[in-house]
Amino acid sequence: VCLTCCSRESMVRINQICHGNGVKFFTGDVFGYHGYMFADLGSHEFVEERPRVAKGGSGPEDGPEAKRARTEPAETTMVKRRLEFCSLREALTVEWRGEKAAAALRRTAPDYFLLQ
């Protein structure tokens, strides 16, 4: 489900229905130079490609440089990952005070608070 130009109450209500039924949900809007986008993919599984790490040998010619892990650009491995997305209501009720929120506050663009 994709929503644009909706009231906050409508977005929260429709997202609750989607989240409860395992339906993916996107909403967003643009206001001049500022805008937002929210995605609730529920429980989302995906595969990530990562470079394979080759371990250094244990021969006498191995020094500190050789003992460091090396990556081979041609060799990769596939890693299965899973993410749990929060609902729009949970995202909008974040508490921005306290030590735990300080790190998130530094990573959050000031535009977020303008849109609120």
C-alpha atoms as a PDB file:
ATOM      1  CA  VAL A   1       0.000   0.000   0.000  1.00  0.00           C
ATOM      2  CA  CYS A   2       1.350   3.441  -0.968  1.00  0.00           C
ATOM      3  CA  LEU A   3      -0.110   6.652   0.478  1.00  0.00           C
ATOM      4  CA  THR A   4       0.528  10.305  -0.292  1.00  0.00           C
ATOM      5  CA  CYS A   5      -1.277  13.530   0.661  1.00  0.00           C
ATOM      6  CA  CYS A   6      -3.061  11.887   3.625  1.00  0.00           C
ATOM      7  CA  SER A   7      -3.672  13.107   7.138  1.00  0.00           C
ATOM      8  CA  ARG A   8      -1.456  11.767   9.907  1.00  0.00           C
ATOM      9  CA  GLU A   9      -4.417   9.954  11.489  1.00  0.00           C
ATOM     10  CA  SER A  10      -5.274   8.210   8.193  1.00  0.00           C
ATOM     11  CA  MET A  11      -1.679   7.118   7.660  1.00  0.00           C
ATOM     12  CA  VAL A  12      -1.420   5.674  11.199  1.00  0.00           C
ATOM     13  CA  ARG A  13      -4.788   3.870  10.907  1.00  0.00           C
ATOM     14  CA  ILE A  14      -4.047   2.359   7.477  1.00  0.00           C
ATOM     15  CA  ASN A  15      -0.528   1.359   8.564  1.00  0.00           C
ATOM     16  CA  GLN A  16      -1.949  -0.464  11.608  1.00  0.00           C
ATOM     17  CA  ILE A  17      -4.214  -2.474   9.319  1.00  0.00           C
ATOM     18  CA  CYS A  18      -1.343  -3.262   6.926  1.00  0.00           C
ATOM     19  CA  HIS A  19       1.112  -4.110   9.723  1.00  0.00           C
ATOM     20  CA  GLY A  20      -1.402  -6.460  11.358  1.00  0.00           C
ATOM     21  CA  ASN A  21      -2.011  -8.297   8.066  1.00  0.00           C
ATOM     22  CA  GLY A  22       1.599  -8.511   6.858  1.00  0.00           C
ATOM     23  CA  VAL A  23       1.064  -6.021   4.009  1.00  0.00           C
ATOM     24  CA  LYS A  24       3.981  -3.776   3.060  1.00  0.00           C
ATOM     25  CA  PHE A  25       3.282  -0.059   3.574  1.00  0.00           C
ATOM     26  CA  PHE A  26       4.846   3.109   2.154  1.00  0.00           C
ATOM     27  CA  THR A  27       3.878   6.733   2.717  1.00  0.00           C
ATOM     28  CA  GLY A  28       5.451  10.034   1.814  1.00  0.00           C
ATOM     29  CA  ASP A  29       4.915  13.598   0.743  1.00  0.00           C
ATOM     30  CA  VAL A  30       6.835  16.628  -0.487  1.00  0.00           C
ATOM     31  CA  PHE A  31       6.526  20.220   0.712  1.00  0.00           C
ATOM     32  CA  GLY A  32       8.664  22.394  -1.569  1.00  0.00           C
ATOM     33  CA  TYR A  33      12.293  21.474  -0.851  1.00  0.00           C
ATOM     34  CA  HIS A  34      11.390  19.255   2.115  1.00  0.00           C
ATOM     35  CA  GLY A  35       9.742  15.877   2.166  1.00  0.00           C
ATOM     36  CA  TYR A  36       9.501  12.550   3.954  1.00  0.00           C
ATOM     37  CA  MET A  37       9.136   8.858   3.208  1.00  0.00           C
ATOM     38  CA  PHE A  38       8.247   6.030   5.586  1.00  0.00           C
ATOM     39  CA  ALA A  39       8.380   2.300   4.859  1.00  0.00           C
ATOM     40  CA  ASP A  40       6.951  -0.491   7.015  1.00  0.00           C
ATOM     41  CA  LEU A  41       7.968  -3.782   5.434  1.00  0.00           C
ATOM     42  CA  GLY A  42       7.022  -5.835   8.497  1.00  0.00           C
ATOM     43  CA  SER A  43       9.361  -8.803   8.691  1.00  0.00           C
ATOM     44  CA  HIS A  44      11.623  -8.419   5.663  1.00  0.00           C
ATOM     45  CA  GLU A  45      14.125 -11.066   4.540  1.00  0.00           C
ATOM     46  CA  PHE A  46      16.830 -10.353   1.980  1.00  0.00           C
ATOM     47  CA  VAL A  47      20.211 -11.615   0.784  1.00  0.00           C
ATOM     48  CA  GLU A  48      23.308  -9.443   1.071  1.00  0.00           C
ATOM     49  CA  GLU A  49      26.458  -9.986  -0.970  1.00  0.00           C
ATOM     50  CA  ARG A  50      29.667  -9.532   1.036  1.00  0.00           C
ATOM     51  CA  PRO A  51      33.339  -9.880   0.063  1.00  0.00           C
ATOM     52  CA  ARG A  52      34.879 -13.119   1.287  1.00  0.00           C
ATOM     53  CA  VAL A  53      37.634 -12.636   3.879  1.00  0.00           C
ATOM     54  CA  ALA A  54      40.794 -14.689   3.280  1.00  0.00           C
ATOM     55  CA  LYS A  55      42.919 -15.466   6.334  1.00  0.00           C
ATOM     56  CA  GLY A  56      46.689 -15.019   6.184  1.00  0.00           C
ATOM     57  CA  GLY A  57      48.951 -18.086   6.200  1.00  0.00           C
ATOM     58  CA  SER A  58      51.013 -19.190   9.176  1.00  0.00           C
ATOM     59  CA  GLY A  59      54.398 -19.484   7.442  1.00  0.00           C
ATOM     60  CA  PRO A  60      57.603 -17.882   8.763  1.00  0.00           C
ATOM     61  CA  GLU A  61      57.434 -15.145   6.093  1.00  0.00           C
ATOM     62  CA  ASP A  62      54.189 -13.865   7.559  1.00  0.00           C
ATOM     63  CA  GLY A  63      54.662 -10.589   9.352  1.00  0.00           C
ATOM     64  CA  PRO A  64      52.116  -8.211  10.872  1.00  0.00           C
ATOM     65  CA  GLU A  65      50.890  -7.178   7.403  1.00  0.00           C
ATOM     66  CA  ALA A  66      50.323 -10.775   6.294  1.00  0.00           C
ATOM     67  CA  LYS A  67      48.365 -11.645   9.441  1.00  0.00           C
ATOM     68  CA  ARG A  68      45.715  -9.049   8.701  1.00  0.00           C
ATOM     69  CA  ALA A  69      42.581 -10.368   7.016  1.00  0.00           C
ATOM     70  CA  ARG A  70      42.595  -9.760   3.278  1.00  0.00           C
ATOM     71  CA  THR A  71      39.664  -9.536   0.917  1.00  0.00           C
ATOM     72  CA  GLU A  72      39.566 -10.999  -2.531  1.00  0.00           C
ATOM     73  CA  PRO A  73      37.453  -8.723  -4.747  1.00  0.00           C
ATOM     74  CA  ALA A  74      36.444 -11.589  -7.043  1.00  0.00           C
ATOM     75  CA  GLU A  75      35.191 -13.819  -4.205  1.00  0.00           C
ATOM     76  CA  THR A  76      31.948 -13.025  -2.427  1.00  0.00           C
ATOM     77  CA  THR A  77      29.599 -14.822  -0.106  1.00  0.00           C
ATOM     78  CA  MET A  78      25.834 -14.449   0.216  1.00  0.00           C
ATOM     79  CA  VAL A  79      24.435 -13.741   3.678  1.00  0.00           C
ATOM     80  CA  LYS A  80      20.730 -14.060   4.447  1.00  0.00           C
ATOM     81  CA  ARG A  81      19.445 -11.238   6.691  1.00  0.00           C
ATOM     82  CA  ARG A  82      16.144 -10.378   8.319  1.00  0.00           C
ATOM     83  CA  LEU A  83      14.897  -6.982   9.490  1.00  0.00           C
ATOM     84  CA  GLU A  84      11.870  -6.186  11.615  1.00  0.00           C
ATOM     85  CA  PHE A  85      10.296  -2.828  10.717  1.00  0.00           C
ATOM     86  CA  CYS A  86       8.292  -0.807  13.227  1.00  0.00           C
ATOM     87  CA  SER A  87       4.848   0.639  12.609  1.00  0.00           C
ATOM     88  CA  LEU A  88       4.271   4.323  11.830  1.00  0.00           C
ATOM     89  CA  ARG A  89       2.727   4.855  15.254  1.00  0.00           C
ATOM     90  CA  GLU A  90       5.864   3.499  16.961  1.00  0.00           C
ATOM     91  CA  ALA A  91       8.084   5.680  14.774  1.00  0.00           C
ATOM     92  CA  LEU A  92       6.102   8.811  15.601  1.00  0.00           C
ATOM     93  CA  THR A  93       6.134   8.197  19.361  1.00  0.00           C
ATOM     94  CA  VAL A  94       9.927   8.089  19.763  1.00  0.00           C
ATOM     95  CA  GLU A  95      11.073   9.748  23.004  1.00  0.00           C
ATOM     96  CA  TRP A  96      13.784  12.273  22.085  1.00  0.00           C
ATOM     97  CA  ARG A  97      15.033  12.881  25.630  1.00  0.00           C
ATOM     98  CA  GLY A  98      17.608  10.838  27.514  1.00  0.00           C
ATOM     99  CA  GLU A  99      20.972   9.214  26.834  1.00  0.00           C
ATOM    100  CA  LYS A 100      19.615   6.477  24.583  1.00  0.00           C
ATOM    101  CA  ALA A 101      18.054   8.991  22.183  1.00  0.00           C
ATOM    102  CA  ALA A 102      21.150  11.229  22.046  1.00  0.00           C
ATOM    103  CA  ALA A 103      22.876   9.110  19.369  1.00  0.00           C
ATOM    104  CA  ALA A 104      19.700   8.904  17.256  1.00  0.00           C
ATOM    105  CA  LEU A 105      19.199  12.641  17.631  1.00  0.00           C
ATOM    106  CA  ARG A 106      22.650  13.341  16.174  1.00  0.00           C
ATOM    107  CA  ARG A 107      21.870  11.141  13.128  1.00  0.00           C
ATOM    108  CA  THR A 108      18.438  12.707  12.519  1.00  0.00           C
ATOM    109  CA  ALA A 109      18.206  15.554  10.035  1.00  0.00           C
ATOM    110  CA  PRO A 110      16.715  18.802  11.394  1.00  0.00           C
ATOM    111  CA  ASP A 111      14.139  18.604   8.587  1.00  0.00           C
ATOM    112  CA  TYR A 112      12.462  15.722  10.450  1.00  0.00           C
ATOM    113  CA  PHE A 113      11.441  18.078  13.247  1.00  0.00           C
ATOM    114  CA  LEU A 114      10.274  20.741  10.794  1.00  0.00           C
ATOM    115  CA  LEU A 115       7.944  18.192   9.191  1.00  0.00           C
ATOM    116  CA  GLN A 116       6.593  17.146  12.580  1.00  0.00           C
END
